[in-house]
């Protein structure tokens, strides 16, 4: 591996990587209103709902405005619910992924720079997590005004870490986010679970010493 392509830093997603699946959390919320598939279907196929989601993650609207707008779109597709606390209910279904949190600790203890790169959702998606203990740099979409998979959010993370994209690996559970990072030259690991991500970081990108047991 040449110096030009050596990977020495890690960017990592939050929801669905350091937590359990966001998609499953939306499905659990959907089940509570009578249709597990409806929330994700509306988010992906209803243009108004999609725009609300993008605007919320980008920091243009808050959780209350997103909740009200999304509830209206769900009702237009036959759901019976009020607008109170939709994002809170989704976040309540998330659990901590201790295996992947421990992976980050091993990387940082070995001196590997780590940036958390997260599309924000809800009022406080990071409640219960010490972000400063998780990563050297935290880049949240609603705070910087741009969301994954835009190249700009990855560039911000690299700038704050003081490294170049060509020396970074992005870990995310969504391929579209890895594709966005790849446009800057950032390598990618599609996250399935902590053990698999640790193996891929070690075997494919040279983090063997950092992740040695």
C-alpha atoms as a PDB file:
ATOM      1  CA  UNK A   1       0.000   0.000   0.000  1.00  0.00           C
ATOM      2  CA  UNK A   2       1.561   3.320  -1.055  1.00  0.00           C
ATOM      3  CA  UNK A   3       1.730   6.421   1.110  1.00  0.00           C
ATOM      4  CA  UNK A   4      -0.749   8.073  -1.223  1.00  0.00           C
ATOM      5  CA  UNK A   5      -3.385   5.464  -0.513  1.00  0.00           C
ATOM      6  CA  UNK A   6      -2.649   4.567   3.108  1.00  0.00           C
ATOM      7  CA  UNK A   7      -5.787   4.888   5.226  1.00  0.00           C
ATOM      8  CA  UNK A   8      -5.031   6.378   8.619  1.00  0.00           C
ATOM      9  CA  UNK A   9      -8.341   7.919   9.828  1.00  0.00           C
ATOM     10  CA  UNK A  10     -11.936   6.723  10.202  1.00  0.00           C
ATOM     11  CA  UNK A  11     -15.200   8.592   9.629  1.00  0.00           C
ATOM     12  CA  UNK A  12     -18.229   6.851  11.091  1.00  0.00           C
ATOM     13  CA  UNK A  13     -22.000   7.219  10.993  1.00  0.00           C
ATOM     14  CA  UNK A  14     -24.161   7.303  14.132  1.00  0.00           C
ATOM     15  CA  UNK A  15     -27.709   5.989  13.576  1.00  0.00           C
ATOM     16  CA  UNK A  16     -27.664   2.371  12.433  1.00  0.00           C
ATOM     17  CA  UNK A  17     -23.948   1.989  13.199  1.00  0.00           C
ATOM     18  CA  UNK A  18     -23.423   3.060  16.805  1.00  0.00           C
ATOM     19  CA  UNK A  19     -27.092   2.247  17.354  1.00  0.00           C
ATOM     20  CA  UNK A  20     -29.451  -0.440  16.190  1.00  0.00           C
ATOM     21  CA  UNK A  21     -31.136  -0.074  12.805  1.00  0.00           C
ATOM     22  CA  UNK A  22     -32.884   3.212  11.981  1.00  0.00           C
ATOM     23  CA  UNK A  23     -35.024   1.405   9.404  1.00  0.00           C
ATOM     24  CA  UNK A  24     -36.186  -1.054  12.036  1.00  0.00           C
ATOM     25  CA  UNK A  25     -36.968   1.841  14.391  1.00  0.00           C
ATOM     26  CA  UNK A  26     -39.198   3.376  11.716  1.00  0.00           C
ATOM     27  CA  UNK A  27     -40.815  -0.033  11.194  1.00  0.00           C
ATOM     28  CA  UNK A  28     -41.554  -0.311  14.912  1.00  0.00           C
ATOM     29  CA  UNK A  29     -43.137   3.116  14.851  1.00  0.00           C
ATOM     30  CA  UNK A  30     -45.137   2.060  11.784  1.00  0.00           C
ATOM     31  CA  UNK A  31     -46.353  -1.040  13.602  1.00  0.00           C
ATOM     32  CA  UNK A  32     -47.629   1.183  16.400  1.00  0.00           C
ATOM     33  CA  UNK A  33     -49.849   3.036  13.908  1.00  0.00           C
ATOM     34  CA  UNK A  34     -51.033  -0.101  12.119  1.00  0.00           C
ATOM     35  CA  UNK A  35     -48.590  -0.515   9.202  1.00  0.00           C
ATOM     36  CA  UNK A  36     -44.889  -1.280   9.738  1.00  0.00           C
ATOM     37  CA  UNK A  37     -43.958  -0.312   6.176  1.00  0.00           C
ATOM     38  CA  UNK A  38     -45.894   2.939   5.882  1.00  0.00           C
ATOM     39  CA  UNK A  39     -43.428   5.468   7.394  1.00  0.00           C
ATOM     40  CA  UNK A  40     -40.490   4.415   5.219  1.00  0.00           C
ATOM     41  CA  UNK A  41     -42.702   4.078   2.168  1.00  0.00           C
ATOM     42  CA  UNK A  42     -43.980   7.622   2.641  1.00  0.00           C
ATOM     43  CA  UNK A  43     -40.479   8.971   3.279  1.00  0.00           C
ATOM     44  CA  UNK A  44     -39.149   7.457   0.073  1.00  0.00           C
ATOM     45  CA  UNK A  45     -42.125   7.922  -2.283  1.00  0.00           C
ATOM     46  CA  UNK A  46     -43.909  11.072  -1.082  1.00  0.00           C
ATOM     47  CA  UNK A  47     -42.037  14.149  -2.330  1.00  0.00           C
ATOM     48  CA  UNK A  48     -43.382  16.423   0.402  1.00  0.00           C
ATOM     49  CA  UNK A  49     -42.401  14.010   3.171  1.00  0.00           C
ATOM     50  CA  UNK A  50     -38.990  13.521   1.606  1.00  0.00           C
ATOM     51  CA  UNK A  51     -38.400  17.279   1.513  1.00  0.00           C
ATOM     52  CA  UNK A  52     -39.417  17.591   5.158  1.00  0.00           C
ATOM     53  CA  UNK A  53     -36.908  14.906   6.079  1.00  0.00           C
ATOM     54  CA  UNK A  54     -34.098  16.534   4.107  1.00  0.00           C
ATOM     55  CA  UNK A  55     -34.883  19.967   5.543  1.00  0.00           C
ATOM     56  CA  UNK A  56     -34.933  18.565   9.072  1.00  0.00           C
ATOM     57  CA  UNK A  57     -31.607  16.760   8.705  1.00  0.00           C
ATOM     58  CA  UNK A  58     -30.106  19.917   7.167  1.00  0.00           C
ATOM     59  CA  UNK A  59     -31.210  22.043  10.115  1.00  0.00           C
ATOM     60  CA  UNK A  60     -33.729  24.114   8.158  1.00  0.00           C
ATOM     61  CA  UNK A  61     -36.671  22.962  10.285  1.00  0.00           C
ATOM     62  CA  UNK A  62     -36.868  21.600  13.818  1.00  0.00           C
ATOM     63  CA  UNK A  63     -38.244  18.324  15.105  1.00  0.00           C
ATOM     64  CA  UNK A  64     -41.670  19.789  15.929  1.00  0.00           C
ATOM     65  CA  UNK A  65     -42.161  21.116  12.403  1.00  0.00           C
ATOM     66  CA  UNK A  66     -40.975  17.838  10.896  1.00  0.00           C
ATOM     67  CA  UNK A  67     -43.286  15.838  13.168  1.00  0.00           C
ATOM     68  CA  UNK A  68     -46.304  17.940  12.236  1.00  0.00           C
ATOM     69  CA  UNK A  69     -45.596  17.804   8.513  1.00  0.00           C
ATOM     70  CA  UNK A  70     -44.787  14.101   8.479  1.00  0.00           C
ATOM     71  CA  UNK A  71     -47.918  13.280  10.464  1.00  0.00           C
ATOM     72  CA  UNK A  72     -49.982  15.164   7.882  1.00  0.00           C
ATOM     73  CA  UNK A  73     -48.391  13.159   5.058  1.00  0.00           C
ATOM     74  CA  UNK A  74     -48.960   9.869   6.924  1.00  0.00           C
ATOM     75  CA  UNK A  75     -52.619  10.811   7.455  1.00  0.00           C
ATOM     76  CA  UNK A  76     -52.932  11.551   3.741  1.00  0.00           C
ATOM     77  CA  UNK A  77     -51.887   7.931   3.153  1.00  0.00           C
ATOM     78  CA  UNK A  78     -54.489   6.582   5.571  1.00  0.00           C
ATOM     79  CA  UNK A  79     -52.728   6.599   8.940  1.00  0.00           C
ATOM     80  CA  UNK A  80     -54.578   7.651  12.069  1.00  0.00           C
ATOM     81  CA  UNK A  81     -52.275   9.567  14.417  1.00  0.00           C
ATOM     82  CA  UNK A  82     -51.542  12.979  15.826  1.00  0.00           C
ATOM     83  CA  UNK A  83     -48.326  14.901  15.238  1.00  0.00           C
ATOM     84  CA  UNK A  84     -46.968  14.763  18.761  1.00  0.00           C
ATOM     85  CA  UNK A  85     -43.569  13.166  19.183  1.00  0.00           C
ATOM     86  CA  UNK A  86     -43.131  11.121  16.006  1.00  0.00           C
ATOM     87  CA  UNK A  87     -39.354  11.597  15.959  1.00  0.00           C
ATOM     88  CA  UNK A  88     -39.198  10.904  19.705  1.00  0.00           C
ATOM     89  CA  UNK A  89     -41.120   7.663  19.220  1.00  0.00           C
ATOM     90  CA  UNK A  90     -38.778   6.557  16.429  1.00  0.00           C
ATOM     91  CA  UNK A  91     -35.676   7.357  18.490  1.00  0.00           C
ATOM     92  CA  UNK A  92     -37.112   5.468  21.477  1.00  0.00           C
ATOM     93  CA  UNK A  93     -36.880   2.272  19.413  1.00  0.00           C
ATOM     94  CA  UNK A  94     -33.118   2.654  18.947  1.00  0.00           C
ATOM     95  CA  UNK A  95     -30.661   0.783  21.125  1.00  0.00           C
ATOM     96  CA  UNK A  96     -26.951   1.276  21.679  1.00  0.00           C
ATOM     97  CA  UNK A  97     -24.591  -0.975  19.687  1.00  0.00           C
ATOM     98  CA  UNK A  98     -21.962  -1.658  22.339  1.00  0.00           C
ATOM     99  CA  UNK A  99     -19.823  -3.762  19.988  1.00  0.00           C
ATOM    100  CA  UNK A 100     -19.313  -0.885  17.550  1.00  0.00           C
ATOM    101  CA  UNK A 101     -18.886   1.682  20.342  1.00  0.00           C
ATOM    102  CA  UNK A 102     -16.098  -0.540  21.706  1.00  0.00           C
ATOM    103  CA  UNK A 103     -14.566  -0.679  18.224  1.00  0.00           C
ATOM    104  CA  UNK A 104     -14.276   3.120  18.221  1.00  0.00           C
ATOM    105  CA  UNK A 105     -12.639   3.039  21.623  1.00  0.00           C
ATOM    106  CA  UNK A 106     -10.024   0.583  20.353  1.00  0.00           C
ATOM    107  CA  UNK A 107      -9.278   2.771  17.344  1.00  0.00           C
ATOM    108  CA  UNK A 108      -8.880   5.937  19.400  1.00  0.00           C
ATOM    109  CA  UNK A 109      -6.787   4.223  22.057  1.00  0.00           C
ATOM    110  CA  UNK A 110      -4.422   3.194  19.261  1.00  0.00           C
ATOM    111  CA  UNK A 111      -4.157   6.794  18.070  1.00  0.00           C
ATOM    112  CA  UNK A 112      -6.412   6.519  15.014  1.00  0.00           C
ATOM    113  CA  UNK A 113      -8.232   9.841  14.372  1.00  0.00           C
ATOM    114  CA  UNK A 114     -12.011   9.335  14.334  1.00  0.00           C
ATOM    115  CA  UNK A 115     -14.776  11.660  13.123  1.00  0.00           C
ATOM    116  CA  UNK A 116     -18.462  11.072  13.763  1.00  0.00           C
ATOM    117  CA  UNK A 117     -20.414  12.174  10.658  1.00  0.00           C
ATOM    118  CA  UNK A 118     -24.142  12.084  11.340  1.00  0.00           C
ATOM    119  CA  UNK A 119     -27.380  13.172   9.707  1.00  0.00           C
ATOM    120  CA  UNK A 120     -29.305  14.517  12.697  1.00  0.00           C
ATOM    121  CA  UNK A 121     -32.866  13.396  13.405  1.00  0.00           C
ATOM    122  CA  UNK A 122     -35.159  14.367  16.252  1.00  0.00           C
ATOM    123  CA  UNK A 123     -34.597  16.666  19.199  1.00  0.00           C
ATOM    124  CA  UNK A 124     -31.746  14.746  20.819  1.00  0.00           C
ATOM    125  CA  UNK A 125     -30.688  11.619  18.916  1.00  0.00           C
ATOM    126  CA  UNK A 126     -27.386  11.471  20.841  1.00  0.00           C
ATOM    127  CA  UNK A 127     -28.903  11.315  24.327  1.00  0.00           C
ATOM    128  CA  UNK A 128     -27.009   8.806  26.431  1.00  0.00           C
ATOM    129  CA  UNK A 129     -23.839   9.014  24.322  1.00  0.00           C
ATOM    130  CA  UNK A 130     -20.707  10.943  25.283  1.00  0.00           C
ATOM    131  CA  UNK A 131     -19.795  12.205  21.821  1.00  0.00           C
ATOM    132  CA  UNK A 132     -16.438  13.592  22.954  1.00  0.00           C
ATOM    133  CA  UNK A 133     -15.514  10.130  24.199  1.00  0.00           C
ATOM    134  CA  UNK A 134     -16.608   8.541  20.933  1.00  0.00           C
ATOM    135  CA  UNK A 135     -14.743  10.698  18.433  1.00  0.00           C
ATOM    136  CA  UNK A 136     -12.095  13.371  18.023  1.00  0.00           C
ATOM    137  CA  UNK A 137     -14.412  15.368  15.763  1.00  0.00           C
ATOM    138  CA  UNK A 138     -18.223  15.456  15.603  1.00  0.00           C
ATOM    139  CA  UNK A 139     -19.919  16.720  12.428  1.00  0.00           C
ATOM    140  CA  UNK A 140     -23.720  16.870  12.670  1.00  0.00           C
ATOM    141  CA  UNK A 141     -25.723  17.733   9.554  1.00  0.00           C
ATOM    142  CA  UNK A 142     -28.118  20.143  11.249  1.00  0.00           C
ATOM    143  CA  UNK A 143     -25.186  22.110  12.673  1.00  0.00           C
ATOM    144  CA  UNK A 144     -23.215  22.471   9.440  1.00  0.00           C
ATOM    145  CA  UNK A 145     -26.265  22.870   7.165  1.00  0.00           C
ATOM    146  CA  UNK A 146     -25.452  20.000   4.827  1.00  0.00           C
ATOM    147  CA  UNK A 147     -26.243  16.295   5.013  1.00  0.00           C
ATOM    148  CA  UNK A 148     -24.895  13.030   3.711  1.00  0.00           C
ATOM    149  CA  UNK A 149     -24.408  12.067   0.930  1.00  0.00           C
ATOM    150  CA  UNK A 150     -23.235  15.590   0.003  1.00  0.00           C
ATOM    151  CA  UNK A 151     -19.484  15.682  -0.478  1.00  0.00           C
ATOM    152  CA  UNK A 152     -19.258  18.842   1.612  1.00  0.00           C
ATOM    153  CA  UNK A 153     -20.065  17.149   4.927  1.00  0.00           C
ATOM    154  CA  UNK A 154     -17.237  14.640   4.449  1.00  0.00           C
ATOM    155  CA  UNK A 155     -14.879  17.442   3.450  1.00  0.00           C
ATOM    156  CA  UNK A 156     -15.748  19.279   6.676  1.00  0.00           C
ATOM    157  CA  UNK A 157     -14.961  16.164   8.705  1.00  0.00           C
ATOM    158  CA  UNK A 158     -11.604  15.703   6.977  1.00  0.00           C
ATOM    159  CA  UNK A 159     -10.727  19.371   7.427  1.00  0.00           C
ATOM    160  CA  UNK A 160     -11.508  19.211  11.141  1.00  0.00           C
ATOM    161  CA  UNK A 161      -9.454  16.046  11.534  1.00  0.00           C
ATOM    162  CA  UNK A 162      -6.579  17.690   9.674  1.00  0.00           C
ATOM    163  CA  UNK A 163      -6.309  14.899   7.132  1.00  0.00           C
ATOM    164  CA  UNK A 164      -7.082  14.360   3.454  1.00  0.00           C
ATOM    165  CA  UNK A 165      -9.997  12.312   2.104  1.00  0.00           C
ATOM    166  CA  UNK A 166      -7.546   9.913   0.461  1.00  0.00           C
ATOM    167  CA  UNK A 167      -6.364   8.862   3.909  1.00  0.00           C
ATOM    168  CA  UNK A 168      -9.849   8.192   5.322  1.00  0.00           C
ATOM    169  CA  UNK A 169     -12.320   5.307   5.494  1.00  0.00           C
ATOM    170  CA  UNK A 170     -16.054   5.965   5.954  1.00  0.00           C
ATOM    171  CA  UNK A 171     -18.179   3.440   7.883  1.00  0.00           C
ATOM    172  CA  UNK A 172     -21.911   3.715   7.193  1.00  0.00           C
ATOM    173  CA  UNK A 173     -24.929   1.424   6.980  1.00  0.00           C
ATOM    174  CA  UNK A 174     -26.240   3.125   3.807  1.00  0.00           C
ATOM    175  CA  UNK A 175     -24.520   2.586   0.478  1.00  0.00           C
ATOM    176  CA  UNK A 176     -25.634   5.988  -0.816  1.00  0.00           C
ATOM    177  CA  UNK A 177     -23.635   7.656   1.941  1.00  0.00           C
ATOM    178  CA  UNK A 178     -20.539   5.636   1.059  1.00  0.00           C
ATOM    179  CA  UNK A 179     -21.026   6.594  -2.592  1.00  0.00           C
ATOM    180  CA  UNK A 180     -21.061  10.267  -1.622  1.00  0.00           C
ATOM    181  CA  UNK A 181     -17.843   9.868   0.350  1.00  0.00           C
ATOM    182  CA  UNK A 182     -16.222   7.963  -2.512  1.00  0.00           C
ATOM    183  CA  UNK A 183     -16.603  11.013  -4.766  1.00  0.00           C
ATOM    184  CA  UNK A 184     -13.949  12.658  -2.580  1.00  0.00           C
ATOM    185  CA  UNK A 185     -11.691   9.614  -2.611  1.00  0.00           C
ATOM    186  CA  UNK A 186     -12.796   8.288   0.794  1.00  0.00           C
ATOM    187  CA  UNK A 187     -12.849   4.493   0.974  1.00  0.00           C
ATOM    188  CA  UNK A 188     -15.924   2.787   2.391  1.00  0.00           C
ATOM    189  CA  UNK A 189     -17.082  -0.001   4.674  1.00  0.00           C
ATOM    190  CA  UNK A 190     -20.762  -0.930   4.525  1.00  0.00           C
ATOM    191  CA  UNK A 191     -21.613  -1.610   8.160  1.00  0.00           C
ATOM    192  CA  UNK A 192     -23.488  -4.769   9.080  1.00  0.00           C
ATOM    193  CA  UNK A 193     -22.203  -5.329  12.600  1.00  0.00           C
ATOM    194  CA  UNK A 194     -19.226  -4.347  14.711  1.00  0.00           C
ATOM    195  CA  UNK A 195     -17.276  -7.561  14.252  1.00  0.00           C
ATOM    196  CA  UNK A 196     -17.547  -7.442  10.458  1.00  0.00           C
ATOM    197  CA  UNK A 197     -16.600  -3.758  10.336  1.00  0.00           C
ATOM    198  CA  UNK A 198     -13.562  -4.400  12.546  1.00  0.00           C
ATOM    199  CA  UNK A 199     -12.463  -7.256  10.290  1.00  0.00           C
ATOM    200  CA  UNK A 200     -12.838  -5.191   7.114  1.00  0.00           C
ATOM    201  CA  UNK A 201     -10.985  -2.219   8.587  1.00  0.00           C
ATOM    202  CA  UNK A 202      -8.147  -4.532   9.559  1.00  0.00           C
ATOM    203  CA  UNK A 203      -7.989  -6.714   6.453  1.00  0.00           C
ATOM    204  CA  UNK A 204      -8.727  -4.179   3.729  1.00  0.00           C
ATOM    205  CA  UNK A 205      -7.407  -0.924   5.135  1.00  0.00           C
ATOM    206  CA  UNK A 206      -4.487  -1.754   7.376  1.00  0.00           C
ATOM    207  CA  UNK A 207      -5.929  -1.056  10.816  1.00  0.00           C
ATOM    208  CA  UNK A 208      -4.717  -4.468  12.018  1.00  0.00           C
ATOM    209  CA  UNK A 209      -2.560  -3.216  14.897  1.00  0.00           C
ATOM    210  CA  UNK A 210      -5.234  -0.813  16.130  1.00  0.00           C
ATOM    211  CA  UNK A 211      -7.865  -3.561  16.224  1.00  0.00           C
ATOM    212  CA  UNK A 212      -5.731  -6.416  17.502  1.00  0.00           C
ATOM    213  CA  UNK A 213      -7.278  -8.230  20.448  1.00  0.00           C
END
